[in-house]
Amino acid sequence: MSQTQSPQPIFDLPTLTRELELDDRVKVAGVDIDGILRGKVILKSKFFSSLKSGFGFCSVIFGWDMHDKAYTTPTTISNDANGFSDIIAKIDLSTYRRLPLEDNLPFFLLRFYDRNHHPLAACPRSLLARIVGEYEALGLEPLCGAEFEFFNYKETPASLETKQGVGLSPITPGMFGYSLLRPALEKDFFTDIFTQCREIRVPIEGLHTETGPGVYEAALKYAPALEMADRAVLFKTIVKQVGLKHGIIASFMAKPDQTLPGCSGHLHFSIRDSQKNNLFFDPSAGPSEATDPYRMRGMSSTMASFLTGLLVGLPSVLALLAPTVNSYKRLVENYWAPVYINWGKECRTASIRAIGADLPPADQWAAMADQDDERARLLEEGASTRLEMRVSGSDINTHLAIAACLACGLWGIKNQLDRLPGKVEVTGEENLAYPRGLKLSRTLQEAVRVMQEPQSIARQVLGDEFVDHYALTREHEWQAWENAVTNWEVKRYLEIL
């Protein structure tokens, strides 16, 4: 471990006291509804005095949007009537890290609670922790991976303000995915992303250029669900900080340019038991004309139920996977982005991609009893069986997106919804959706309307209090869009009319 690399999490006071012995201040931050870290630096004495019962934190972070503008409709958490009073912030010692870009400052993530010390319904980390707890109560552990694409511009906050987002200069030209040449043009920036993320204990499994000028894609190392979400929000923040250091603006906006592919934020899911077995994989399982004709070989009943729950629940939680007005500009055809509610084995045009070993039919599998090496290879591949949610964009609040997917999947498991709908074939000749022909909502307004329905799956698995709060924030976002006069309108109408 390097001198600045973040240490392992702390769970006891004596160790914590020793770790912070030479520090005089600590940085703490929580995740807001848009997936943005909101925090402050506090004295070490305040930090220690807050460990038991937390400390007051202004509730306005759940009463305003990403630009600090109060929501059109006041939230129940923070409003004029309650004086924008404090909520309670509690420090999560398991998230201990040090910030190499800030003089190795100690850092911890927060969870938010109401004045009665009940978990705040709108707190993304608390919501995901609750969903993970439901899995743990059944002896299950959900695991996740995340991949983020992001544009990089040779700009500063000041130049962005001057240009108003028009005529930005990407760090590299043209379309050159997986290039070994393009990263050399900004070698220090590219390398620094890897280095700084490693130092803050956010391991990157792979980093490469994607199709688009100045576009990178990073795959974060697979981890337990809450840890994965924490790593994701830290990753985005670190990338932006590293960018500023190198005179670069990194953006996780879903679709910055209508002529280019958008930025995906794909999420991978699997579940393991207390023995670390992947419960999505069953080498004896396969399609059955009588019960489940579309099941992938090696797909367990648990995986089939999770997948079915996710497909059925997807319309209801879409607003969490596509949280902004701009998100829906990415979800269009011909850009490898999903538009139908469907799934497919190793299919990158479907909403959900099933990834697993290419197992032979059951009779051939049985006949391979004496082929130890080949069986071992397939079993090893099968241990990585998982589902990839391809609807989500890079603009997601990762805590909320993971919570939504896991909640729908668990709903499917509990209700044993294991009869899968037709799948998309890799040939592209077949495009069976669930139900056939059903498309994803085309706007944020439409997605929120589905989420708000009285008996929506979102309400069943995430709770009314969260859904009502979240819907209010998205309605505010949609209203801001409806009131905006866009460049397209000016170009189209100003001269002619």
Protein backbone atom coordinates (compact mmCIF):
# COMPACT_ATOMS: atom_id res chain seq x y z
CA MET A 1 0.00 0.00 0.00
CA SER A 2 1.37 3.43 -0.91
CA GLN A 3 1.76 6.13 1.70
CA THR A 4 -1.38 7.90 0.51
CA GLN A 5 -3.56 4.91 -0.36
CA SER A 6 -6.80 4.80 1.61
CA PRO A 7 -6.70 2.36 4.53
CA GLN A 8 -9.28 -0.34 5.15
CA PRO A 9 -12.63 0.53 6.81
CA ILE A 10 -12.76 1.11 10.56
CA PHE A 11 -15.38 -0.37 12.85
CA ASP A 12 -14.06 0.37 16.35
CA LEU A 13 -13.27 3.56 18.26
CA PRO A 14 -9.71 2.72 19.45
CA THR A 15 -8.54 2.07 15.90
CA LEU A 16 -10.28 5.21 14.67
CA THR A 17 -8.62 7.31 17.38
CA ARG A 18 -5.19 6.03 16.36
CA GLU A 19 -5.88 6.57 12.66
CA LEU A 20 -6.87 10.21 13.13
CA GLU A 21 -4.27 11.03 15.77
CA LEU A 22 -2.36 13.47 13.56
CA ASP A 23 -5.41 15.02 11.89
CA ASP A 24 -7.26 18.15 12.99
CA ARG A 25 -10.20 18.00 10.59
CA VAL A 26 -12.34 15.51 8.67
CA LYS A 27 -14.42 15.73 5.49
CA VAL A 28 -17.89 14.16 5.47
CA ALA A 29 -20.48 13.98 2.68
CA GLY A 30 -23.86 12.47 1.89
CA VAL A 31 -25.56 11.65 -1.40
CA ASP A 32 -28.45 13.84 -2.55
CA ILE A 33 -31.37 12.81 -4.76
CA ASP A 34 -29.40 13.54 -7.95
CA GLY A 35 -26.43 11.43 -6.88
CA ILE A 36 -24.27 14.43 -6.03
CA LEU A 37 -22.08 14.46 -2.92
CA ARG A 38 -23.02 17.26 -0.51
CA GLY A 39 -20.66 17.70 2.41
CA LYS A 40 -18.44 19.80 4.61
CA VAL A 41 -15.17 19.77 6.53
CA ILE A 42 -15.53 19.57 10.32
CA LEU A 43 -13.16 19.73 13.26
CA LYS A 44 -11.95 16.40 14.57
CA SER A 45 -13.52 17.16 17.95
CA LYS A 46 -16.94 17.61 16.30
CA PHE A 47 -16.40 14.42 14.35
CA PHE A 48 -15.83 12.35 17.49
CA SER A 49 -18.69 14.00 19.38
CA SER A 50 -21.03 13.11 16.49
CA LEU A 51 -20.24 9.41 16.26
CA LYS A 52 -23.00 8.24 18.59
CA SER A 53 -26.01 10.36 17.65
CA GLY A 54 -24.97 12.21 14.51
CA PHE A 55 -25.05 15.95 13.89
CA GLY A 56 -27.41 18.48 12.36
CA PHE A 57 -27.30 18.95 8.58
CA CYS A 58 -29.48 21.45 6.73
CA SER A 59 -32.45 19.66 5.16
CA VAL A 60 -32.35 21.95 2.13
CA ILE A 61 -30.20 19.42 0.26
CA PHE A 62 -33.48 17.49 -0.11
CA GLY A 63 -35.44 20.67 -0.84
CA TRP A 64 -33.60 21.99 -3.87
CA ASP A 65 -32.36 20.75 -7.24
CA MET A 66 -28.82 20.22 -8.53
CA HIS A 67 -28.50 23.98 -9.12
CA ASP A 68 -29.67 24.84 -5.58
CA LYS A 69 -33.05 26.08 -6.77
CA ALA A 70 -35.99 25.24 -4.51
CA TYR A 71 -38.39 22.67 -5.94
CA THR A 72 -41.52 24.06 -7.56
CA THR A 73 -43.60 22.08 -5.06
CA PRO A 74 -42.01 22.10 -1.59
CA THR A 75 -40.95 18.73 -0.21
CA THR A 76 -42.22 17.46 3.14
CA ILE A 77 -38.60 17.19 4.32
CA SER A 78 -37.54 20.79 3.73
CA ASN A 79 -39.89 23.74 3.29
CA ASP A 80 -40.89 27.19 4.55
CA ALA A 81 -43.31 25.71 7.07
CA ASN A 82 -40.61 23.77 8.92
CA GLY A 83 -38.06 26.52 8.47
CA PHE A 84 -35.78 24.28 6.40
CA SER A 85 -34.84 22.68 9.70
CA ASP A 86 -31.97 20.28 10.24
CA ILE A 87 -32.05 16.58 9.56
CA ILE A 88 -29.60 14.22 11.27
CA ALA A 89 -26.42 13.10 9.53
CA LYS A 90 -24.77 9.94 10.86
CA ILE A 91 -21.21 8.98 9.99
CA ASP A 92 -20.62 5.60 8.37
CA LEU A 93 -17.24 4.42 9.66
CA SER A 94 -17.12 1.58 7.13
CA THR A 95 -16.59 4.17 4.37
CA TYR A 96 -13.32 5.57 5.78
CA ARG A 97 -10.92 6.78 3.13
CA ARG A 98 -8.28 9.44 2.66
CA LEU A 99 -8.34 12.03 -0.11
CA PRO A 100 -4.98 12.25 -1.88
CA LEU A 101 -6.06 15.32 -3.86
CA GLU A 102 -6.84 17.14 -0.60
CA ASP A 103 -3.67 16.63 1.42
CA ASN A 104 -4.69 13.12 2.48
CA LEU A 105 -7.70 14.46 4.40
CA PRO A 106 -9.77 11.76 6.20
CA PHE A 107 -13.15 11.21 4.57
CA PHE A 108 -16.39 9.44 5.53
CA LEU A 109 -19.79 9.05 3.88
CA LEU A 110 -23.03 9.88 5.70
CA ARG A 111 -26.56 8.57 5.96
CA PHE A 112 -29.43 10.92 6.69
CA TYR A 113 -32.17 10.50 9.31
CA ASP A 114 -35.20 12.50 10.42
CA ARG A 115 -35.39 14.26 13.80
CA ASN A 116 -36.63 11.04 15.39
CA HIS A 117 -33.56 9.21 14.10
CA HIS A 118 -35.55 7.17 11.58
CA PRO A 119 -33.86 6.65 8.18
CA LEU A 120 -34.83 9.48 5.84
CA ALA A 121 -36.97 8.06 3.04
CA ALA A 122 -35.26 10.28 0.45
CA CYS A 123 -31.70 9.35 1.48
CA PRO A 124 -30.23 7.26 -1.36
CA ARG A 125 -27.71 5.43 0.83
CA SER A 126 -30.39 4.59 3.41
CA LEU A 127 -32.77 3.31 0.74
CA LEU A 128 -30.17 1.02 -0.79
CA ALA A 129 -29.10 -0.19 2.66
CA ARG A 130 -32.72 -1.13 3.37
CA ILE A 131 -33.05 -3.11 0.14
CA VAL A 132 -29.73 -4.88 0.77
CA GLY A 133 -30.98 -5.66 4.28
CA GLU A 134 -34.01 -7.42 2.79
CA TYR A 135 -31.66 -9.69 0.86
CA GLU A 136 -29.51 -10.31 3.92
CA ALA A 137 -32.59 -11.34 5.91
CA LEU A 138 -32.96 -14.19 3.39
CA GLY A 139 -29.29 -15.16 3.62
CA LEU A 140 -28.48 -13.54 0.28
CA GLU A 141 -25.86 -11.01 -0.80
CA PRO A 142 -26.40 -8.93 -3.95
CA LEU A 143 -23.29 -8.07 -5.94
CA CYS A 144 -22.97 -5.33 -8.54
CA GLY A 145 -20.67 -3.93 -11.17
CA ALA A 146 -20.84 -0.57 -12.94
CA GLU A 147 -19.54 0.83 -16.22
CA PHE A 148 -19.58 4.56 -16.95
CA GLU A 149 -18.98 6.38 -20.22
CA PHE A 150 -18.13 10.07 -20.03
CA PHE A 151 -17.19 12.93 -22.34
CA ASN A 152 -14.06 14.98 -21.63
CA TYR A 153 -13.67 18.56 -22.81
CA LYS A 154 -10.70 20.91 -22.82
CA GLU A 155 -12.72 23.48 -20.90
CA THR A 156 -12.99 25.12 -17.48
CA PRO A 157 -16.05 26.05 -15.41
CA ALA A 158 -15.56 29.63 -16.59
CA SER A 159 -15.38 28.71 -20.28
CA LEU A 160 -18.47 26.51 -19.91
CA GLU A 161 -20.32 29.51 -18.51
CA THR A 162 -19.15 31.70 -21.38
CA LYS A 163 -19.97 29.16 -24.10
CA GLN A 164 -23.24 28.06 -22.50
CA GLY A 165 -22.46 24.48 -23.48
CA VAL A 166 -22.11 25.29 -27.21
CA GLY A 167 -18.96 24.72 -29.27
CA LEU A 168 -17.05 22.79 -26.62
CA SER A 169 -13.62 21.35 -27.43
CA PRO A 170 -13.26 17.60 -26.76
CA ILE A 171 -9.83 16.45 -25.60
CA THR A 172 -9.47 14.21 -28.68
CA PRO A 173 -11.12 14.30 -32.13
CA GLY A 174 -13.22 11.77 -33.98
CA MET A 175 -14.66 8.34 -33.31
CA PHE A 176 -11.95 5.98 -32.08
CA GLY A 177 -13.14 3.39 -29.56
CA TYR A 178 -10.54 1.20 -27.86
CA SER A 179 -7.78 3.38 -29.28
CA LEU A 180 -4.21 2.95 -28.07
CA LEU A 181 -3.31 6.32 -29.60
CA ARG A 182 -5.92 8.71 -28.19
CA PRO A 183 -5.06 8.25 -24.47
CA ALA A 184 -1.49 9.34 -25.26
CA LEU A 185 -2.80 12.82 -26.13
CA GLU A 186 -3.86 13.30 -22.50
CA LYS A 187 -1.61 10.68 -20.90
CA ASP A 188 -1.33 12.42 -17.52
CA PHE A 189 -5.10 12.76 -17.20
CA PHE A 190 -5.73 9.16 -18.28
CA THR A 191 -3.13 7.77 -15.87
CA ASP A 192 -4.19 10.04 -13.02
CA ILE A 193 -7.75 8.68 -13.14
CA PHE A 194 -6.40 5.19 -12.48
CA THR A 195 -3.99 6.38 -9.79
CA GLN A 196 -6.36 8.59 -7.81
CA CYS A 197 -9.17 6.03 -7.89
CA ARG A 198 -6.81 3.35 -6.62
CA GLU A 199 -5.65 5.60 -3.81
CA ILE A 200 -9.22 6.22 -2.65
CA ARG A 201 -10.08 2.49 -2.82
CA VAL A 202 -12.22 2.67 -5.94
CA PRO A 203 -10.56 0.02 -8.12
CA ILE A 204 -10.99 0.39 -11.87
CA GLU A 205 -10.99 -2.90 -13.75
CA GLY A 206 -10.60 -1.28 -17.15
CA LEU A 207 -10.37 2.17 -18.75
CA HIS A 208 -10.46 2.81 -22.50
CA THR A 209 -11.62 5.26 -25.14
CA GLU A 210 -15.17 4.83 -26.41
CA THR A 211 -16.81 5.80 -29.69
CA GLY A 212 -17.02 9.57 -29.68
CA PRO A 213 -14.66 12.55 -29.46
CA GLY A 214 -13.02 12.66 -26.04
CA VAL A 215 -15.11 9.79 -24.64
CA TYR A 216 -13.74 7.35 -22.05
CA GLU A 217 -15.36 4.32 -20.46
CA ALA A 218 -14.43 2.89 -17.06
CA ALA A 219 -15.48 -0.44 -15.58
CA LEU A 220 -15.44 -0.53 -11.79
CA LYS A 221 -14.50 -3.75 -10.04
CA TYR A 222 -17.42 -5.97 -8.95
CA ALA A 223 -18.41 -5.52 -5.31
CA PRO A 224 -21.27 -5.87 -2.80
CA ALA A 225 -24.16 -3.58 -3.77
CA LEU A 226 -23.78 -0.73 -1.27
CA GLU A 227 -20.01 -0.67 -1.65
CA MET A 228 -20.43 -0.57 -5.44
CA ALA A 229 -22.79 2.41 -5.24
CA ASP A 230 -20.43 4.22 -2.87
CA ARG A 231 -17.53 3.59 -5.22
CA ALA A 232 -19.57 4.90 -8.14
CA VAL A 233 -20.38 8.26 -6.57
CA LEU A 234 -16.77 8.62 -5.44
CA PHE A 235 -15.54 7.65 -8.92
CA LYS A 236 -17.56 10.38 -10.61
CA THR A 237 -16.37 12.95 -8.10
CA ILE A 238 -12.72 11.91 -8.39
CA VAL A 239 -12.83 11.95 -12.21
CA LYS A 240 -14.23 15.48 -12.14
CA GLN A 241 -11.58 16.59 -9.62
CA VAL A 242 -8.78 15.00 -11.63
CA GLY A 243 -10.16 16.69 -14.74
CA LEU A 244 -10.08 20.12 -13.12
CA LYS A 245 -6.47 19.48 -12.12
CA HIS A 246 -5.61 18.90 -15.80
CA GLY A 247 -7.79 21.65 -17.28
CA ILE A 248 -10.49 19.20 -18.37
CA ILE A 249 -14.23 19.08 -17.73
CA ALA A 250 -15.49 15.50 -17.44
CA SER A 251 -19.23 15.07 -17.98
CA PHE A 252 -21.50 12.14 -17.17
CA MET A 253 -24.45 13.76 -18.96
CA ALA A 254 -26.42 11.10 -20.84
CA LYS A 255 -26.48 12.76 -24.29
CA PRO A 256 -24.37 15.92 -24.72
CA ASP A 257 -24.59 15.85 -28.54
CA GLN A 258 -27.58 14.67 -30.58
CA THR A 259 -25.30 13.55 -33.44
CA LEU A 260 -23.23 11.22 -31.25
CA PRO A 261 -23.92 8.15 -29.11
CA GLY A 262 -24.86 8.89 -25.53
CA CYS A 263 -23.14 7.87 -22.31
CA SER A 264 -24.29 4.60 -20.79
CA GLY A 265 -24.08 3.62 -17.14
CA HIS A 266 -24.60 -0.12 -17.34
CA LEU A 267 -25.13 -2.06 -14.11
CA HIS A 268 -24.34 -5.76 -13.56
CA PHE A 269 -26.10 -7.93 -10.98
CA SER A 270 -25.75 -11.34 -9.36
CA ILE A 271 -26.61 -12.87 -6.00
CA ARG A 272 -24.58 -15.21 -3.84
CA ASP A 273 -25.36 -17.25 -0.74
CA SER A 274 -23.45 -17.51 2.54
CA GLN A 275 -21.09 -20.03 0.92
CA LYS A 276 -20.23 -17.50 -1.84
CA ASN A 277 -22.05 -19.55 -4.50
CA ASN A 278 -23.49 -17.62 -7.44
CA LEU A 279 -27.22 -18.29 -7.18
CA PHE A 280 -27.80 -17.16 -10.77
CA PHE A 281 -26.00 -20.25 -12.10
CA ASP A 282 -27.36 -23.79 -12.24
CA PRO A 283 -25.61 -26.06 -14.77
CA SER A 284 -28.55 -28.46 -14.75
CA ALA A 285 -31.12 -25.79 -15.62
CA GLY A 286 -32.35 -25.06 -19.10
CA PRO A 287 -35.39 -24.36 -21.25
CA SER A 288 -38.50 -26.47 -20.86
CA GLU A 289 -41.28 -26.38 -23.42
CA ALA A 290 -43.78 -27.18 -20.69
CA THR A 291 -42.75 -24.63 -18.08
CA ASP A 292 -40.17 -22.16 -19.33
CA PRO A 293 -39.28 -22.37 -23.04
CA TYR A 294 -37.15 -19.22 -23.10
CA ARG A 295 -34.85 -19.91 -20.15
CA MET A 296 -31.14 -19.71 -20.95
CA ARG A 297 -29.13 -22.86 -20.29
CA GLY A 298 -27.44 -22.57 -16.91
CA MET A 299 -29.93 -19.93 -15.75
CA SER A 300 -31.17 -20.83 -12.27
CA SER A 301 -34.75 -20.35 -11.15
CA THR A 302 -33.48 -17.55 -8.88
CA MET A 303 -32.00 -15.72 -11.85
CA ALA A 304 -35.15 -16.29 -13.91
CA SER A 305 -37.30 -14.85 -11.11
CA PHE A 306 -34.97 -11.87 -10.62
CA LEU A 307 -34.96 -11.18 -14.36
CA THR A 308 -38.73 -11.48 -14.67
CA GLY A 309 -39.26 -9.15 -11.71
CA LEU A 310 -36.89 -6.66 -13.31
CA LEU A 311 -38.69 -6.82 -16.66
CA VAL A 312 -42.13 -6.45 -15.10
CA GLY A 313 -40.98 -3.64 -12.81
CA LEU A 314 -38.89 -1.75 -15.37
CA PRO A 315 -41.63 0.65 -16.59
CA SER A 316 -42.34 1.59 -12.98
CA VAL A 317 -38.72 2.37 -12.02
CA LEU A 318 -37.53 3.79 -15.35
CA ALA A 319 -37.38 7.31 -13.90
CA LEU A 320 -34.63 6.07 -11.56
CA LEU A 321 -32.61 4.61 -14.45
CA ALA A 322 -33.22 7.62 -16.70
CA PRO A 323 -33.50 10.47 -14.16
CA THR A 324 -33.19 13.58 -16.32
CA VAL A 325 -34.92 15.13 -19.31
CA ASN A 326 -31.76 14.47 -21.30
CA SER A 327 -31.68 10.76 -20.37
CA TYR A 328 -34.41 9.97 -22.90
CA LYS A 329 -32.45 11.54 -25.77
CA ARG A 330 -29.99 8.66 -25.30
CA LEU A 331 -32.68 5.95 -25.45
CA VAL A 332 -33.15 5.99 -29.21
CA GLU A 333 -32.61 3.37 -31.90
CA ASN A 334 -29.41 2.81 -33.87
CA TYR A 335 -27.07 3.78 -31.03
CA TRP A 336 -26.92 0.45 -29.12
CA ALA A 337 -29.34 1.93 -26.62
CA PRO A 338 -32.48 -0.01 -25.63
CA VAL A 339 -35.95 1.19 -26.58
CA TYR A 340 -38.00 -1.95 -25.84
CA ILE A 341 -38.61 -3.73 -22.54
CA ASN A 342 -36.88 -7.00 -23.37
CA TRP A 343 -33.92 -9.24 -22.65
CA GLY A 344 -31.48 -11.38 -24.58
CA LYS A 345 -28.51 -13.64 -24.04
CA GLU A 346 -25.32 -11.72 -24.90
CA CYS A 347 -27.48 -9.14 -26.70
CA ARG A 348 -26.31 -5.52 -26.49
CA THR A 349 -29.46 -4.09 -28.05
CA ALA A 350 -31.80 -5.41 -25.34
CA SER A 351 -32.75 -3.62 -22.13
CA ILE A 352 -31.31 -6.48 -20.09
CA ARG A 353 -28.41 -8.62 -21.27
CA ALA A 354 -27.98 -12.09 -19.77
CA ILE A 355 -24.33 -13.11 -19.51
CA GLY A 356 -23.29 -16.70 -18.84
CA ALA A 357 -21.49 -19.81 -19.98
CA ASP A 358 -22.43 -21.26 -23.35
CA LEU A 359 -23.58 -24.57 -21.90
CA PRO A 360 -24.57 -27.50 -24.14
CA PRO A 361 -28.02 -29.12 -23.92
CA ALA A 362 -28.66 -31.25 -20.85
CA ASP A 363 -28.04 -34.58 -22.59
CA GLN A 364 -24.71 -33.38 -23.99
CA TRP A 365 -23.74 -31.97 -20.59
CA ALA A 366 -24.37 -35.36 -19.00
CA ALA A 367 -22.31 -37.05 -21.71
CA MET A 368 -19.34 -34.81 -20.83
CA ALA A 369 -18.86 -36.56 -17.48
CA ASP A 370 -15.37 -37.73 -18.46
CA GLN A 371 -14.28 -34.38 -19.94
CA ASP A 372 -13.03 -32.84 -16.72
CA ASP A 373 -11.14 -29.91 -18.25
CA GLU A 374 -14.00 -28.78 -20.46
CA ARG A 375 -16.58 -29.14 -17.71
CA ALA A 376 -14.31 -27.21 -15.33
CA ARG A 377 -13.95 -24.41 -17.89
CA LEU A 378 -17.69 -24.11 -18.37
CA LEU A 379 -18.34 -24.22 -14.64
CA GLU A 380 -15.78 -21.45 -14.12
CA GLU A 381 -17.50 -19.34 -16.79
CA GLY A 382 -20.85 -20.12 -15.21
CA ALA A 383 -19.68 -18.75 -11.88
CA SER A 384 -19.69 -15.31 -13.54
CA THR A 385 -23.32 -15.60 -14.70
CA ARG A 386 -25.01 -12.24 -14.26
CA LEU A 387 -27.49 -9.74 -15.66
CA GLU A 388 -26.57 -6.40 -17.21
CA MET A 389 -29.07 -3.53 -17.01
CA ARG A 390 -28.43 -1.55 -20.19
CA VAL A 391 -31.18 1.06 -19.84
CA SER A 392 -29.34 3.14 -17.26
CA GLY A 393 -27.23 6.05 -18.42
CA SER A 394 -24.11 7.57 -16.95
CA ASP A 395 -26.24 10.29 -15.35
CA ILE A 396 -27.85 7.93 -12.82
CA ASN A 397 -27.85 8.30 -9.08
CA THR A 398 -26.16 4.91 -8.72
CA HIS A 399 -27.54 4.25 -5.22
CA LEU A 400 -31.11 4.74 -6.44
CA ALA A 401 -30.63 2.84 -9.71
CA ILE A 402 -29.11 -0.17 -7.94
CA ALA A 403 -31.81 -0.03 -5.25
CA ALA A 404 -34.56 -0.01 -7.90
CA CYS A 405 -33.12 -2.97 -9.82
CA LEU A 406 -32.45 -5.04 -6.70
CA ALA A 407 -35.91 -4.27 -5.30
CA CYS A 408 -37.65 -5.36 -8.51
CA GLY A 409 -35.49 -8.46 -8.70
CA LEU A 410 -36.26 -9.42 -5.12
CA TRP A 411 -39.97 -8.83 -5.78
CA GLY A 412 -39.69 -11.33 -8.63
CA ILE A 413 -37.90 -13.85 -6.41
CA LYS A 414 -40.41 -13.56 -3.58
CA ASN A 415 -43.32 -13.98 -6.00
CA GLN A 416 -41.56 -16.78 -7.93
CA LEU A 417 -42.08 -15.03 -11.26
CA ASP A 418 -39.86 -17.40 -13.17
CA ARG A 419 -41.71 -17.88 -16.46
CA LEU A 420 -39.68 -15.63 -18.73
CA PRO A 421 -41.04 -13.71 -21.72
CA GLY A 422 -39.49 -14.18 -25.14
CA LYS A 423 -35.92 -13.02 -25.55
CA VAL A 424 -34.17 -10.99 -28.22
CA GLU A 425 -31.98 -13.20 -30.38
CA VAL A 426 -28.47 -12.00 -31.17
CA THR A 427 -29.24 -12.36 -34.90
CA GLY A 428 -31.61 -9.44 -34.59
CA GLU A 429 -34.22 -11.36 -36.57
CA GLU A 430 -36.42 -11.74 -33.53
CA ASN A 431 -37.45 -8.86 -31.31
CA LEU A 432 -39.83 -10.23 -28.72
CA ALA A 433 -40.57 -7.75 -25.97
CA TYR A 434 -42.41 -7.99 -22.64
CA PRO A 435 -45.26 -7.61 -23.34
CA ARG A 436 -44.71 -7.87 -27.10
CA GLY A 437 -44.05 -4.45 -28.58
CA LEU A 438 -44.04 -2.49 -25.30
CA LYS A 439 -41.56 0.37 -25.47
CA LEU A 440 -39.82 2.27 -22.72
CA SER A 441 -41.39 5.62 -21.84
CA ARG A 442 -40.13 8.29 -24.20
CA THR A 443 -40.00 11.17 -21.73
CA LEU A 444 -39.26 11.79 -18.08
CA GLN A 445 -42.81 13.07 -17.64
CA GLU A 446 -44.27 9.79 -18.92
CA ALA A 447 -41.92 7.67 -16.79
CA VAL A 448 -42.83 9.60 -13.64
CA ARG A 449 -46.52 9.19 -14.38
CA VAL A 450 -46.10 5.39 -14.50
CA MET A 451 -44.08 5.43 -11.28
CA GLN A 452 -46.80 7.42 -9.50
CA GLU A 453 -49.65 5.04 -10.29
CA PRO A 454 -51.45 3.98 -7.07
CA GLN A 455 -50.39 0.32 -7.18
CA SER A 456 -47.13 0.72 -9.09
CA ILE A 457 -44.38 -1.77 -8.43
CA ALA A 458 -42.16 1.17 -7.49
CA ARG A 459 -44.55 2.00 -4.65
CA GLN A 460 -44.66 -1.64 -3.56
CA VAL A 461 -40.89 -2.15 -3.41
CA LEU A 462 -39.54 1.33 -2.65
CA GLY A 463 -42.36 2.79 -0.56
CA ASP A 464 -44.87 5.59 -1.04
CA GLU A 465 -42.84 8.17 0.87
CA PHE A 466 -39.81 7.76 -1.37
CA VAL A 467 -41.83 7.60 -4.60
CA ASP A 468 -43.80 10.75 -3.73
CA HIS A 469 -40.62 12.66 -2.91
CA TYR A 470 -38.75 11.49 -5.98
CA ALA A 471 -41.68 12.13 -8.33
CA LEU A 472 -41.92 15.68 -7.01
CA THR A 473 -38.25 16.30 -7.83
CA ARG A 474 -38.62 14.91 -11.37
CA GLU A 475 -41.77 16.94 -12.01
CA HIS A 476 -39.72 20.00 -11.08
CA GLU A 477 -37.07 18.92 -13.59
CA TRP A 478 -39.67 18.45 -16.32
CA GLN A 479 -41.26 21.83 -15.63
CA ALA A 480 -37.86 23.53 -15.91
CA TRP A 481 -37.49 21.89 -19.34
CA GLU A 482 -40.97 22.90 -20.47
CA ASN A 483 -40.24 26.53 -19.57
CA ALA A 484 -36.84 26.58 -21.27
CA VAL A 485 -36.22 28.26 -24.63
CA THR A 486 -33.73 26.01 -26.40
CA ASN A 487 -31.04 26.66 -29.02
CA TRP A 488 -33.06 24.50 -31.42
CA GLU A 489 -36.06 26.84 -31.09
CA VAL A 490 -33.96 29.95 -31.60
CA LYS A 491 -32.24 28.52 -34.68
CA ARG A 492 -35.51 27.30 -36.16
CA TYR A 493 -37.81 30.27 -35.52
CA LEU A 494 -35.92 33.50 -34.73
CA GLU A 495 -35.01 34.60 -38.26
CA ILE A 496 -37.93 33.19 -40.26
CA LEU A 497 -40.87 34.11 -38.06
